[in-house]
Amino acid sequence: MSFLELWWKKHSFEDRKKMKELIQNGKLEIPTGAWVMTDEANSHLYSIVTEMFEGHEFLMNTIGKGINFI
């Protein structure tokens, strides 16, 4: 999500709208939705949950309705 946030800030309203439509129509999928990837060698439950929460919070605040968290 951190790279998506950078993209989001740099692009126009029209580009953002197109991306929202792609996501809401199921043509673009964001797997896991974590803010960043967790450390594979030394992951901790708290950090995994925090990264997931922050990524999902960003998605809900920017994309909003139509996001299915599975």
Protein backbone atom coordinates (compact mmCIF):
# COMPACT_ATOMS: atom_id res chain seq x y z
CA MET A 1 0.00 0.00 0.00
CA SER A 2 2.85 2.39 0.59
CA PHE A 3 3.65 2.45 -3.14
CA LEU A 4 -0.03 2.71 -4.00
CA GLU A 5 -0.25 5.75 -1.73
CA LEU A 6 2.63 7.38 -3.64
CA TRP A 7 0.84 6.66 -6.92
CA TRP A 8 -2.44 7.94 -5.48
CA LYS A 9 -0.93 11.27 -4.43
CA LYS A 10 0.68 11.92 -7.83
CA HIS A 11 -2.24 11.12 -10.14
CA SER A 12 -5.28 13.08 -11.15
CA PHE A 13 -8.83 12.70 -9.93
CA GLU A 14 -9.72 10.99 -13.23
CA ASP A 15 -6.96 8.38 -12.81
CA ARG A 16 -8.07 7.74 -9.24
CA LYS A 17 -11.66 7.36 -10.38
CA LYS A 18 -10.62 4.83 -13.04
CA MET A 19 -8.69 2.83 -10.46
CA LYS A 20 -11.66 2.82 -8.08
CA GLU A 21 -13.87 1.51 -10.87
CA LEU A 22 -11.40 -1.25 -11.72
CA ILE A 23 -11.27 -2.36 -8.10
CA GLN A 24 -15.01 -2.13 -7.53
CA ASN A 25 -15.73 -4.08 -10.74
CA GLY A 26 -13.31 -6.83 -9.74
CA LYS A 27 -10.90 -6.15 -12.60
CA LEU A 28 -8.07 -5.11 -10.28
CA GLU A 29 -7.35 -7.00 -7.11
CA ILE A 30 -5.17 -6.01 -4.19
CA PRO A 31 -4.09 -9.22 -2.45
CA THR A 32 -3.72 -9.04 1.35
CA GLY A 33 -3.81 -5.24 1.39
CA ALA A 34 -1.07 -4.87 3.99
CA TRP A 35 0.77 -1.56 4.20
CA VAL A 36 4.11 -3.28 3.51
CA MET A 37 5.24 -6.89 3.33
CA THR A 38 6.12 -8.39 6.67
CA ASP A 39 9.61 -9.66 7.35
CA GLU A 40 9.67 -13.31 6.27
CA ALA A 41 12.53 -14.30 8.54
CA ASN A 42 11.47 -12.56 11.71
CA SER A 43 7.75 -11.83 11.62
CA HIS A 44 5.79 -11.09 14.75
CA LEU A 45 2.03 -11.30 15.14
CA TYR A 46 1.72 -7.70 16.30
CA SER A 47 3.60 -6.34 13.28
CA ILE A 48 1.60 -8.49 10.86
CA VAL A 49 -1.72 -7.31 12.29
CA THR A 50 -0.55 -3.68 12.36
CA GLU A 51 0.56 -3.76 8.71
CA MET A 52 -2.75 -5.34 7.66
CA PHE A 53 -4.75 -2.80 9.66
CA GLU A 54 -2.87 0.18 8.23
CA GLY A 55 -3.18 -1.08 4.66
CA HIS A 56 -6.90 -1.79 5.00
CA GLU A 57 -7.45 1.58 6.65
CA PHE A 58 -5.77 3.30 3.70
CA LEU A 59 -7.96 1.39 1.26
CA MET A 60 -11.15 2.22 3.13
CA ASN A 61 -10.21 5.91 3.33
CA THR A 62 -9.26 6.21 -0.35
CA ILE A 63 -11.28 3.62 -2.26
CA GLY A 64 -14.15 3.30 0.18
CA LYS A 65 -17.21 1.26 -0.64
CA GLY A 66 -16.90 -1.78 -2.84
CA ILE A 67 -13.82 -3.21 -1.13
CA ASN A 68 -14.20 -6.82 -0.06
CA PHE A 69 -11.77 -7.90 2.60
CA ILE A 70 -11.52 -11.67 2.54
